[in-house]
Amino acid sequence: MVEEVEMTVEDAIEYVRNNVHVGDVLEVSYNRIFAPGDVLGITEEDEETGEGLRVSMQLNGEILNQSIEIDFNEIADDLIEMRHITDEKELVIEIL
């Protein structure tokens, strides 16, 4: 079952922090980029460097399948939508 919710950017980042785990599928749409992949790791914010919440992912594309790291502070202004897929549910988060 697919559930759809609307959230602010801050709420969406908080959702990722609290609910996304290694092995989940996370599809992130920002600016003109669509990045679907398996979550490899989550790194909390770093006050010293100013880096935000970072999610490492193995992309699921047929052409591009490398590992990437998304810093949610860097993409916050461009974030459009996320889809979080686990064994139990699928949640679509539309950014307000």
C-alpha atoms as a PDB file:
ATOM      1  CA  MET A   1       0.000   0.000   0.000  1.00  0.00           C
ATOM      2  CA  VAL A   2       1.293   3.440  -0.941  1.00  0.00           C
ATOM      3  CA  GLU A   3       0.771   6.276   1.521  1.00  0.00           C
ATOM      4  CA  GLU A   4       1.225   9.902   0.456  1.00  0.00           C
ATOM      5  CA  VAL A   5       1.989  12.777   2.821  1.00  0.00           C
ATOM      6  CA  GLU A   6       3.033  16.408   2.529  1.00  0.00           C
ATOM      7  CA  MET A   7       5.873  17.757   4.664  1.00  0.00           C
ATOM      8  CA  THR A   8       8.108  20.776   4.959  1.00  0.00           C
ATOM      9  CA  VAL A   9      11.771  20.282   4.101  1.00  0.00           C
ATOM     10  CA  GLU A  10      12.680  20.289   7.792  1.00  0.00           C
ATOM     11  CA  ASP A  11      10.066  17.634   8.594  1.00  0.00           C
ATOM     12  CA  ALA A  12      11.207  15.495   5.651  1.00  0.00           C
ATOM     13  CA  ILE A  13      14.838  15.624   6.802  1.00  0.00           C
ATOM     14  CA  GLU A  14      13.714  14.732  10.321  1.00  0.00           C
ATOM     15  CA  TYR A  15      11.734  11.814   8.849  1.00  0.00           C
ATOM     16  CA  VAL A  16      14.862  10.540   7.084  1.00  0.00           C
ATOM     17  CA  ARG A  17      16.872  10.881  10.296  1.00  0.00           C
ATOM     18  CA  ASN A  18      14.358   8.872  12.355  1.00  0.00           C
ATOM     19  CA  ASN A  19      12.840   6.368   9.906  1.00  0.00           C
ATOM     20  CA  VAL A  20      15.223   5.528   7.059  1.00  0.00           C
ATOM     21  CA  HIS A  21      17.564   2.607   7.737  1.00  0.00           C
ATOM     22  CA  VAL A  22      20.369   0.805   5.944  1.00  0.00           C
ATOM     23  CA  GLY A  23      18.880  -1.540   3.340  1.00  0.00           C
ATOM     24  CA  ASP A  24      15.766   0.567   2.700  1.00  0.00           C
ATOM     25  CA  VAL A  25      15.102   1.985  -0.761  1.00  0.00           C
ATOM     26  CA  LEU A  26      15.036   5.777  -0.939  1.00  0.00           C
ATOM     27  CA  GLU A  27      14.115   7.664  -4.102  1.00  0.00           C
ATOM     28  CA  VAL A  28      15.028  11.341  -3.939  1.00  0.00           C
ATOM     29  CA  SER A  29      13.838  13.939  -6.470  1.00  0.00           C
ATOM     30  CA  TYR A  30      15.515  17.333  -6.332  1.00  0.00           C
ATOM     31  CA  ASN A  31      16.113  20.039  -8.898  1.00  0.00           C
ATOM     32  CA  ARG A  32      16.207  17.962 -12.120  1.00  0.00           C
ATOM     33  CA  ILE A  33      17.730  14.892 -10.510  1.00  0.00           C
ATOM     34  CA  PHE A  34      16.018  11.614  -9.677  1.00  0.00           C
ATOM     35  CA  ALA A  35      18.185   9.378  -7.479  1.00  0.00           C
ATOM     36  CA  PRO A  36      16.676   5.970  -6.616  1.00  0.00           C
ATOM     37  CA  GLY A  37      18.846   3.645  -4.571  1.00  0.00           C
ATOM     38  CA  ASP A  38      19.467   1.349  -1.646  1.00  0.00           C
ATOM     39  CA  VAL A  39      20.564   3.096   1.539  1.00  0.00           C
ATOM     40  CA  LEU A  40      24.125   2.119   2.464  1.00  0.00           C
ATOM     41  CA  GLY A  41      24.560   4.429   5.453  1.00  0.00           C
ATOM     42  CA  ILE A  42      23.370   7.558   7.224  1.00  0.00           C
ATOM     43  CA  THR A  43      25.741  10.150   8.670  1.00  0.00           C
ATOM     44  CA  GLU A  44      24.484  12.707  11.174  1.00  0.00           C
ATOM     45  CA  GLU A  45      25.179  16.422  10.857  1.00  0.00           C
ATOM     46  CA  ASP A  46      28.685  17.674  11.588  1.00  0.00           C
ATOM     47  CA  GLU A  47      28.765  21.038  13.369  1.00  0.00           C
ATOM     48  CA  GLU A  48      32.507  21.490  12.697  1.00  0.00           C
ATOM     49  CA  THR A  49      32.343  21.129   8.918  1.00  0.00           C
ATOM     50  CA  GLY A  50      28.789  22.408   8.490  1.00  0.00           C
ATOM     51  CA  GLU A  51      27.733  19.282   6.627  1.00  0.00           C
ATOM     52  CA  GLY A  52      24.112  18.263   6.995  1.00  0.00           C
ATOM     53  CA  LEU A  53      22.436  14.888   7.305  1.00  0.00           C
ATOM     54  CA  ARG A  54      24.057  12.706   4.632  1.00  0.00           C
ATOM     55  CA  VAL A  55      22.689   9.506   3.128  1.00  0.00           C
ATOM     56  CA  SER A  56      24.972   7.147   1.192  1.00  0.00           C
ATOM     57  CA  MET A  57      23.159   5.213  -1.525  1.00  0.00           C
ATOM     58  CA  GLN A  58      23.862   2.584  -4.157  1.00  0.00           C
ATOM     59  CA  LEU A  59      21.938   3.808  -7.205  1.00  0.00           C
ATOM     60  CA  ASN A  60      19.509   1.360  -8.848  1.00  0.00           C
ATOM     61  CA  GLY A  61      19.808   2.664 -12.407  1.00  0.00           C
ATOM     62  CA  GLU A  62      20.683   0.558 -15.425  1.00  0.00           C
ATOM     63  CA  ILE A  63      23.165   3.107 -16.757  1.00  0.00           C
ATOM     64  CA  LEU A  64      24.337   4.687 -13.496  1.00  0.00           C
ATOM     65  CA  ASN A  65      24.674   2.368 -10.533  1.00  0.00           C
ATOM     66  CA  GLN A  66      27.486   3.884  -8.512  1.00  0.00           C
ATOM     67  CA  SER A  67      27.462   4.887  -4.868  1.00  0.00           C
ATOM     68  CA  ILE A  68      26.607   8.485  -4.060  1.00  0.00           C
ATOM     69  CA  GLU A  69      26.214  10.576  -0.940  1.00  0.00           C
ATOM     70  CA  ILE A  70      23.422  13.132  -0.668  1.00  0.00           C
ATOM     71  CA  ASP A  71      23.822  16.023   1.796  1.00  0.00           C
ATOM     72  CA  PHE A  72      20.298  17.141   2.648  1.00  0.00           C
ATOM     73  CA  ASN A  73      21.505  20.629   3.698  1.00  0.00           C
ATOM     74  CA  GLU A  74      22.869  21.156   0.183  1.00  0.00           C
ATOM     75  CA  ILE A  75      19.699  20.026  -1.618  1.00  0.00           C
ATOM     76  CA  ALA A  76      17.104  21.373   0.857  1.00  0.00           C
ATOM     77  CA  ASP A  77      16.047  24.294  -1.371  1.00  0.00           C
ATOM     78  CA  ASP A  78      15.658  22.017  -4.409  1.00  0.00           C
ATOM     79  CA  LEU A  79      14.027  18.993  -2.749  1.00  0.00           C
ATOM     80  CA  ILE A  80      10.757  18.087  -4.504  1.00  0.00           C
ATOM     81  CA  GLU A  81       9.753  14.590  -3.414  1.00  0.00           C
ATOM     82  CA  MET A  82      11.013  11.444  -1.690  1.00  0.00           C
ATOM     83  CA  ARG A  83       9.778   7.881  -1.743  1.00  0.00           C
ATOM     84  CA  HIS A  84      10.738   5.582   1.146  1.00  0.00           C
ATOM     85  CA  ILE A  85      10.230   1.888   0.462  1.00  0.00           C
ATOM     86  CA  THR A  86      10.567  -0.846   3.082  1.00  0.00           C
ATOM     87  CA  ASP A  87       9.328  -4.427   3.234  1.00  0.00           C
ATOM     88  CA  GLU A  88       6.221  -3.258   5.088  1.00  0.00           C
ATOM     89  CA  LYS A  89       5.218  -0.019   3.364  1.00  0.00           C
ATOM     90  CA  GLU A  90       5.828   2.610   0.732  1.00  0.00           C
ATOM     91  CA  LEU A  91       5.634   6.285   1.678  1.00  0.00           C
ATOM     92  CA  VAL A  92       5.665   9.176  -0.794  1.00  0.00           C
ATOM     93  CA  ILE A  93       6.667  12.495   0.753  1.00  0.00           C
ATOM     94  CA  GLU A  94       5.777  15.604  -1.227  1.00  0.00           C
ATOM     95  CA  ILE A  95       7.703  18.694  -0.134  1.00  0.00           C
ATOM     96  CA  LEU A  96       5.653  21.838   0.514  1.00  0.00           C
END
